[in-house]
């Protein structure tokens, strides 16, 4: 491996928009993020299923049609 071609791997302070900060290792000394594990809906349990464009209802209608055909056959 070639020497001195890799960036420095330093301690990094990560700051979230919610105010949470933590340290990790990165090639940058500071990172600013919009979401972290304290404010992300998936980790906080406040996640909602968003039905974009009626996809769930459309799937249920199609499934109901195929299930009805299968029962008739």
PDB file of N, CA and C in Angstrom:
ATOM      1  N   UNK A   1       0.836  -1.185   0.000  1.00  0.00           N
ATOM      2  CA  UNK A   1       0.000   0.000   0.000  1.00  0.00           C
ATOM      3  C   UNK A   1       0.877   1.243   0.000  1.00  0.00           C
ATOM      4  N   UNK A   2       0.394   2.247  -0.695  1.00  0.00           N
ATOM      5  CA  UNK A   2       1.127   3.498  -0.723  1.00  0.00           C
ATOM      6  C   UNK A   2       0.950   4.235   0.592  1.00  0.00           C
ATOM      7  N   UNK A   3       1.985   4.880   1.021  1.00  0.00           N
ATOM      8  CA  UNK A   3       1.907   5.634   2.271  1.00  0.00           C
ATOM      9  C   UNK A   3       1.478   7.067   1.993  1.00  0.00           C
ATOM     10  N   UNK A   4       0.824   7.657   2.968  1.00  0.00           N
ATOM     11  CA  UNK A   4       0.410   9.060   2.965  1.00  0.00           C
ATOM     12  C   UNK A   4      -0.568   9.422   1.841  1.00  0.00           C
ATOM     13  N   UNK A   5      -1.379   8.472   1.374  1.00  0.00           N
ATOM     14  CA  UNK A   5      -2.430   8.813   0.419  1.00  0.00           C
ATOM     15  C   UNK A   5      -3.801   8.790   1.069  1.00  0.00           C
ATOM     16  N   UNK A   6      -3.868   8.276   2.283  1.00  0.00           N
ATOM     17  CA  UNK A   6      -5.137   8.170   2.980  1.00  0.00           C
ATOM     18  C   UNK A   6      -5.376   9.416   3.826  1.00  0.00           C
ATOM     19  N   UNK A   7      -6.633   9.869   3.932  1.00  0.00           N
ATOM     20  CA  UNK A   7      -6.910  11.050   4.766  1.00  0.00           C
ATOM     21  C   UNK A   7      -6.771  10.715   6.247  1.00  0.00           C
ATOM     22  N   UNK A   8      -6.596  11.751   7.032  1.00  0.00           N
ATOM     23  CA  UNK A   8      -6.455  11.559   8.481  1.00  0.00           C
ATOM     24  C   UNK A   8      -7.799  11.144   9.067  1.00  0.00           C
ATOM     25  N   UNK A   9      -7.764  10.177   9.966  1.00  0.00           N
ATOM     26  CA  UNK A   9      -8.958   9.638  10.621  1.00  0.00           C
ATOM     27  C   UNK A   9      -8.965  10.189  12.033  1.00  0.00           C
ATOM     28  N   UNK A  10      -9.822  11.200  12.292  1.00  0.00           N
ATOM     29  CA  UNK A  10      -9.778  11.936  13.547  1.00  0.00           C
ATOM     30  C   UNK A  10     -11.082  11.788  14.308  1.00  0.00           C
ATOM     31  N   UNK A  11     -11.074  12.225  15.579  1.00  0.00           N
ATOM     32  CA  UNK A  11     -12.315  12.276  16.356  1.00  0.00           C
ATOM     33  C   UNK A  11     -13.226  13.332  15.747  1.00  0.00           C
ATOM     34  N   UNK A  12     -14.512  12.997  15.661  1.00  0.00           N
ATOM     35  CA  UNK A  12     -15.478  13.868  15.010  1.00  0.00           C
ATOM     36  C   UNK A  12     -16.631  14.137  15.968  1.00  0.00           C
ATOM     37  N   UNK A  13     -17.052  15.394  16.032  1.00  0.00           N
ATOM     38  CA  UNK A  13     -18.207  15.760  16.831  1.00  0.00           C
ATOM     39  C   UNK A  13     -19.393  15.917  15.890  1.00  0.00           C
ATOM     40  N   UNK A  14     -20.416  15.108  16.098  1.00  0.00           N
ATOM     41  CA  UNK A  14     -21.612  15.147  15.261  1.00  0.00           C
ATOM     42  C   UNK A  14     -22.679  15.926  16.019  1.00  0.00           C
ATOM     43  N   UNK A  15     -23.254  16.945  15.363  1.00  0.00           N
ATOM     44  CA  UNK A  15     -24.285  17.772  15.973  1.00  0.00           C
ATOM     45  C   UNK A  15     -25.555  17.639  15.146  1.00  0.00           C
ATOM     46  N   UNK A  16     -26.640  17.271  15.811  1.00  0.00           N
ATOM     47  CA  UNK A  16     -27.928  17.115  15.147  1.00  0.00           C
ATOM     48  C   UNK A  16     -28.715  18.415  15.265  1.00  0.00           C
ATOM     49  N   UNK A  17     -29.704  18.592  14.392  1.00  0.00           N
ATOM     50  CA  UNK A  17     -30.534  19.794  14.446  1.00  0.00           C
ATOM     51  C   UNK A  17     -31.410  19.818  15.698  1.00  0.00           C
ATOM     52  N   UNK A  18     -31.621  18.656  16.333  1.00  0.00           N
ATOM     53  CA  UNK A  18     -32.412  18.610  17.572  1.00  0.00           C
ATOM     54  C   UNK A  18     -31.592  19.019  18.782  1.00  0.00           C
ATOM     55  N   UNK A  19     -30.275  19.162  18.612  1.00  0.00           N
ATOM     56  CA  UNK A  19     -29.414  19.563  19.716  1.00  0.00           C
ATOM     57  C   UNK A  19     -28.564  18.444  20.269  1.00  0.00           C
ATOM     58  N   UNK A  20     -28.813  17.225  19.867  1.00  0.00           N
ATOM     59  CA  UNK A  20     -28.041  16.078  20.339  1.00  0.00           C
ATOM     60  C   UNK A  20     -26.635  16.120  19.727  1.00  0.00           C
ATOM     61  N   UNK A  21     -25.628  15.837  20.527  1.00  0.00           N
ATOM     62  CA  UNK A  21     -24.255  15.751  20.028  1.00  0.00           C
ATOM     63  C   UNK A  21     -23.636  14.454  20.508  1.00  0.00           C
ATOM     64  N   UNK A  22     -22.761  13.892  19.685  1.00  0.00           N
ATOM     65  CA  UNK A  22     -22.004  12.708  20.062  1.00  0.00           C
ATOM     66  C   UNK A  22     -20.706  12.695  19.273  1.00  0.00           C
ATOM     67  N   UNK A  23     -19.775  11.902  19.703  1.00  0.00           N
ATOM     68  CA  UNK A  23     -18.483  11.835  19.030  1.00  0.00           C
ATOM     69  C   UNK A  23     -18.314  10.482  18.373  1.00  0.00           C
ATOM     70  N   UNK A  24     -17.615  10.499  17.269  1.00  0.00           N
ATOM     71  CA  UNK A  24     -17.303   9.296  16.520  1.00  0.00           C
ATOM     72  C   UNK A  24     -15.988   9.553  15.790  1.00  0.00           C
ATOM     73  N   UNK A  25     -15.629   8.712  14.858  1.00  0.00           N
ATOM     74  CA  UNK A  25     -14.415   8.912  14.074  1.00  0.00           C
ATOM     75  C   UNK A  25     -14.804   9.174  12.633  1.00  0.00           C
ATOM     76  N   UNK A  26     -14.107  10.107  11.996  1.00  0.00           N
ATOM     77  CA  UNK A  26     -14.380  10.445  10.610  1.00  0.00           C
ATOM     78  C   UNK A  26     -13.164  11.153  10.032  1.00  0.00           C
ATOM     79  N   UNK A  27     -13.226  11.440   8.745  1.00  0.00           N
ATOM     80  CA  UNK A  27     -12.160  12.204   8.118  1.00  0.00           C
ATOM     81  C   UNK A  27     -12.370  13.699   8.319  1.00  0.00           C
ATOM     82  N   UNK A  28     -13.541  14.094   8.807  1.00  0.00           N
ATOM     83  CA  UNK A  28     -13.826  15.489   9.128  1.00  0.00           C
ATOM     84  C   UNK A  28     -13.887  15.640  10.640  1.00  0.00           C
ATOM     85  N   UNK A  29     -13.592  16.825  11.129  1.00  0.00           N
ATOM     86  CA  UNK A  29     -13.600  17.016  12.580  1.00  0.00           C
ATOM     87  C   UNK A  29     -14.983  17.371  13.108  1.00  0.00           C
ATOM     88  N   UNK A  30     -15.876  17.896  12.251  1.00  0.00           N
ATOM     89  CA  UNK A  30     -17.239  18.247  12.664  1.00  0.00           C
ATOM     90  C   UNK A  30     -18.223  17.855  11.582  1.00  0.00           C
ATOM     91  N   UNK A  31     -19.382  17.354  12.002  1.00  0.00           N
ATOM     92  CA  UNK A  31     -20.481  17.043  11.091  1.00  0.00           C
ATOM     93  C   UNK A  31     -21.767  17.618  11.657  1.00  0.00           C
ATOM     94  N   UNK A  32     -22.619  18.150  10.798  1.00  0.00           N
ATOM     95  CA  UNK A  32     -23.933  18.650  11.193  1.00  0.00           C
ATOM     96  C   UNK A  32     -24.970  17.850  10.417  1.00  0.00           C
ATOM     97  N   UNK A  33     -25.863  17.183  11.135  1.00  0.00           N
ATOM     98  CA  UNK A  33     -26.864  16.328  10.507  1.00  0.00           C
ATOM     99  C   UNK A  33     -28.260  16.816  10.873  1.00  0.00           C
ATOM    100  N   UNK A  34     -29.244  16.408  10.067  1.00  0.00           N
ATOM    101  CA  UNK A  34     -30.627  16.814  10.309  1.00  0.00           C
ATOM    102  C   UNK A  34     -31.354  15.856  11.245  1.00  0.00           C
ATOM    103  N   UNK A  35     -31.023  14.567  11.172  1.00  0.00           N
ATOM    104  CA  UNK A  35     -31.692  13.551  11.988  1.00  0.00           C
ATOM    105  C   UNK A  35     -30.666  12.687  12.689  1.00  0.00           C
ATOM    106  N   UNK A  36     -30.993  12.277  13.903  1.00  0.00           N
ATOM    107  CA  UNK A  36     -30.149  11.340  14.640  1.00  0.00           C
ATOM    108  C   UNK A  36     -31.057  10.276  15.252  1.00  0.00           C
ATOM    109  N   UNK A  37     -30.490   9.371  16.028  1.00  0.00           N
ATOM    110  CA  UNK A  37     -31.302   8.308  16.616  1.00  0.00           C
ATOM    111  C   UNK A  37     -32.240   8.826  17.702  1.00  0.00           C
ATOM    112  N   UNK A  38     -32.014  10.033  18.227  1.00  0.00           N
ATOM    113  CA  UNK A  38     -32.909  10.582  19.245  1.00  0.00           C
ATOM    114  C   UNK A  38     -34.127  11.266  18.645  1.00  0.00           C
ATOM    115  N   UNK A  39     -34.040  11.715  17.400  1.00  0.00           N
ATOM    116  CA  UNK A  39     -35.172  12.444  16.827  1.00  0.00           C
ATOM    117  C   UNK A  39     -35.744  11.783  15.577  1.00  0.00           C
ATOM    118  N   UNK A  40     -35.132  10.715  15.075  1.00  0.00           N
ATOM    119  CA  UNK A  40     -35.644  10.055  13.870  1.00  0.00           C
ATOM    120  C   UNK A  40     -36.914   9.285  14.214  1.00  0.00           C
ATOM    121  N   UNK A  41     -37.962   9.423  13.397  1.00  0.00           N
ATOM    122  CA  UNK A  41     -39.242   8.764  13.701  1.00  0.00           C
ATOM    123  C   UNK A  41     -39.149   7.241  13.823  1.00  0.00           C
ATOM    124  N   UNK A  42     -38.271   6.604  13.079  1.00  0.00           N
ATOM    125  CA  UNK A  42     -38.158   5.153  13.145  1.00  0.00           C
ATOM    126  C   UNK A  42     -37.678   4.704  14.520  1.00  0.00           C
ATOM    127  N   UNK A  43     -36.713   5.407  15.091  1.00  0.00           N
ATOM    128  CA  UNK A  43     -36.135   5.016  16.371  1.00  0.00           C
ATOM    129  C   UNK A  43     -36.968   5.495  17.551  1.00  0.00           C
ATOM    130  N   UNK A  44     -37.734   6.571  17.390  1.00  0.00           N
ATOM    131  CA  UNK A  44     -38.527   7.087  18.497  1.00  0.00           C
ATOM    132  C   UNK A  44     -39.880   6.406  18.607  1.00  0.00           C
ATOM    133  N   UNK A  45     -40.291   5.649  17.588  1.00  0.00           N
ATOM    134  CA  UNK A  45     -41.574   4.962  17.623  1.00  0.00           C
ATOM    135  C   UNK A  45     -42.727   5.839  17.186  1.00  0.00           C
ATOM    136  N   UNK A  46     -42.452   7.002  16.671  1.00  0.00           N
ATOM    137  CA  UNK A  46     -43.500   7.914  16.224  1.00  0.00           C
ATOM    138  C   UNK A  46     -43.686   7.853  14.711  1.00  0.00           C
ATOM    139  N   UNK A  47     -43.249   6.771  14.124  1.00  0.00           N
ATOM    140  CA  UNK A  47     -43.328   6.629  12.677  1.00  0.00           C
ATOM    141  C   UNK A  47     -44.755   6.374  12.235  1.00  0.00           C
ATOM    142  N   UNK A  48     -45.170   7.074  11.189  1.00  0.00           N
ATOM    143  CA  UNK A  48     -46.496   6.883  10.626  1.00  0.00           C
ATOM    144  C   UNK A  48     -46.339   6.292   9.237  1.00  0.00           C
ATOM    145  N   UNK A  49     -47.253   5.430   8.867  1.00  0.00           N
ATOM    146  CA  UNK A  49     -47.267   4.938   7.504  1.00  0.00           C
ATOM    147  C   UNK A  49     -47.932   5.990   6.632  1.00  0.00           C
ATOM    148  N   UNK A  50     -47.214   6.441   5.642  1.00  0.00           N
ATOM    149  CA  UNK A  50     -47.742   7.471   4.764  1.00  0.00           C
ATOM    150  C   UNK A  50     -48.189   6.796   3.484  1.00  0.00           C
ATOM    151  N   UNK A  51     -49.448   6.907   3.180  1.00  0.00           N
ATOM    152  CA  UNK A  51     -50.004   6.318   1.968  1.00  0.00           C
ATOM    153  C   UNK A  51     -49.922   7.347   0.855  1.00  0.00           C
ATOM    154  N   UNK A  52     -48.925   7.212   0.016  1.00  0.00           N
ATOM    155  CA  UNK A  52     -48.742   8.171  -1.051  1.00  0.00           C
ATOM    156  C   UNK A  52     -49.535   7.747  -2.267  1.00  0.00           C
ATOM    157  N   UNK A  53     -50.471   8.541  -2.627  1.00  0.00           N
ATOM    158  CA  UNK A  53     -51.233   8.287  -3.839  1.00  0.00           C
ATOM    159  C   UNK A  53     -52.178   7.117  -3.752  1.00  0.00           C
ATOM    160  N   UNK A  54     -52.574   6.663  -2.573  1.00  0.00           N
ATOM    161  CA  UNK A  54     -53.535   5.582  -2.438  1.00  0.00           C
ATOM    162  C   UNK A  54     -52.996   4.221  -2.800  1.00  0.00           C
ATOM    163  N   UNK A  55     -51.713   4.005  -2.634  1.00  0.00           N
ATOM    164  CA  UNK A  55     -51.113   2.728  -3.030  1.00  0.00           C
ATOM    165  C   UNK A  55     -51.668   1.564  -2.228  1.00  0.00           C
ATOM    166  N   UNK A  56     -51.877   1.754  -0.938  1.00  0.00           N
ATOM    167  CA  UNK A  56     -52.366   0.659  -0.096  1.00  0.00           C
ATOM    168  C   UNK A  56     -53.774   0.258  -0.515  1.00  0.00           C
ATOM    169  N   UNK A  57     -54.653   1.253  -0.719  1.00  0.00           N
ATOM    170  CA  UNK A  57     -56.026   0.951  -1.135  1.00  0.00           C
ATOM    171  C   UNK A  57     -56.047   0.280  -2.504  1.00  0.00           C
ATOM    172  N   UNK A  58     -55.195   0.758  -3.411  1.00  0.00           N
ATOM    173  CA  UNK A  58     -55.145   0.159  -4.744  1.00  0.00           C
ATOM    174  C   UNK A  58     -54.708  -1.298  -4.658  1.00  0.00           C
ATOM    175  N   UNK A  59     -53.716  -1.589  -3.824  1.00  0.00           N
ATOM    176  CA  UNK A  59     -53.265  -2.962  -3.639  1.00  0.00           C
ATOM    177  C   UNK A  59     -54.373  -3.824  -3.046  1.00  0.00           C
ATOM    178  N   UNK A  60     -55.078  -3.313  -2.052  1.00  0.00           N
ATOM    179  CA  UNK A  60     -56.142  -4.080  -1.416  1.00  0.00           C
ATOM    180  C   UNK A  60     -57.275  -4.370  -2.396  1.00  0.00           C
ATOM    181  N   UNK A  61     -57.611  -3.426  -3.263  1.00  0.00           N
ATOM    182  CA  UNK A  61     -58.654  -3.678  -4.278  1.00  0.00           C
ATOM    183  C   UNK A  61     -58.211  -4.759  -5.239  1.00  0.00           C
ATOM    184  N   UNK A  62     -56.951  -4.694  -5.705  1.00  0.00           N
ATOM    185  CA  UNK A  62     -56.459  -5.712  -6.631  1.00  0.00           C
ATOM    186  C   UNK A  62     -56.417  -7.083  -5.967  1.00  0.00           C
ATOM    187  N   UNK A  63     -55.971  -7.126  -4.715  1.00  0.00           N
ATOM    188  CA  UNK A  63     -55.886  -8.393  -3.999  1.00  0.00           C
ATOM    189  C   UNK A  63     -57.275  -8.973  -3.779  1.00  0.00           C
ATOM    190  N   UNK A  64     -58.241  -8.127  -3.501  1.00  0.00           N
ATOM    191  CA  UNK A  64     -59.614  -8.599  -3.296  1.00  0.00           C
ATOM    192  C   UNK A  64     -60.163  -9.214  -4.582  1.00  0.00           C
ATOM    193  N   UNK A  65     -59.858  -8.601  -5.727  1.00  0.00           N
ATOM    194  CA  UNK A  65     -60.317  -9.148  -7.009  1.00  0.00           C
ATOM    195  C   UNK A  65     -59.699 -10.513  -7.283  1.00  0.00           C
ATOM    196  N   UNK A  66     -58.381 -10.640  -7.062  1.00  0.00           N
ATOM    197  CA  UNK A  66     -57.725 -11.922  -7.346  1.00  0.00           C
ATOM    198  C   UNK A  66     -58.182 -12.991  -6.349  1.00  0.00           C
ATOM    199  N   UNK A  67     -58.432 -12.594  -5.115  1.00  0.00           N
ATOM    200  CA  UNK A  67     -58.888 -13.578  -4.125  1.00  0.00           C
ATOM    201  C   UNK A  67     -60.303 -14.055  -4.475  1.00  0.00           C
ATOM    202  N   UNK A  68     -61.152 -13.154  -4.969  1.00  0.00           N
ATOM    203  CA  UNK A  68     -62.502 -13.534  -5.362  1.00  0.00           C
ATOM    204  C   UNK A  68     -62.473 -14.479  -6.552  1.00  0.00           C
ATOM    205  N   UNK A  69     -61.584 -14.217  -7.506  1.00  0.00           N
ATOM    206  CA  UNK A  69     -61.448 -15.115  -8.668  1.00  0.00           C
ATOM    207  C   UNK A  69     -60.950 -16.482  -8.237  1.00  0.00           C
ATOM    208  N   UNK A  70     -60.039 -16.529  -7.296  1.00  0.00           N
ATOM    209  CA  UNK A  70     -59.491 -17.805  -6.834  1.00  0.00           C
ATOM    210  C   UNK A  70     -60.571 -18.616  -6.104  1.00  0.00           C
ATOM    211  N   UNK A  71     -61.453 -17.933  -5.369  1.00  0.00           N
ATOM    212  CA  UNK A  71     -62.526 -18.653  -4.676  1.00  0.00           C
ATOM    213  C   UNK A  71     -63.539 -19.234  -5.652  1.00  0.00           C
ATOM    214  N   UNK A  72     -63.782 -18.512  -6.753  1.00  0.00           N
ATOM    215  CA  UNK A  72     -64.737 -18.997  -7.752  1.00  0.00           C
ATOM    216  C   UNK A  72     -64.193 -20.214  -8.492  1.00  0.00           C
ATOM    217  N   UNK A  73     -62.902 -20.246  -8.697  1.00  0.00           N
ATOM    218  CA  UNK A  73     -62.296 -21.320  -9.490  1.00  0.00           C
ATOM    219  C   UNK A  73     -62.132 -22.602  -8.740  1.00  0.00           C
TER     220      UNK A  73
END
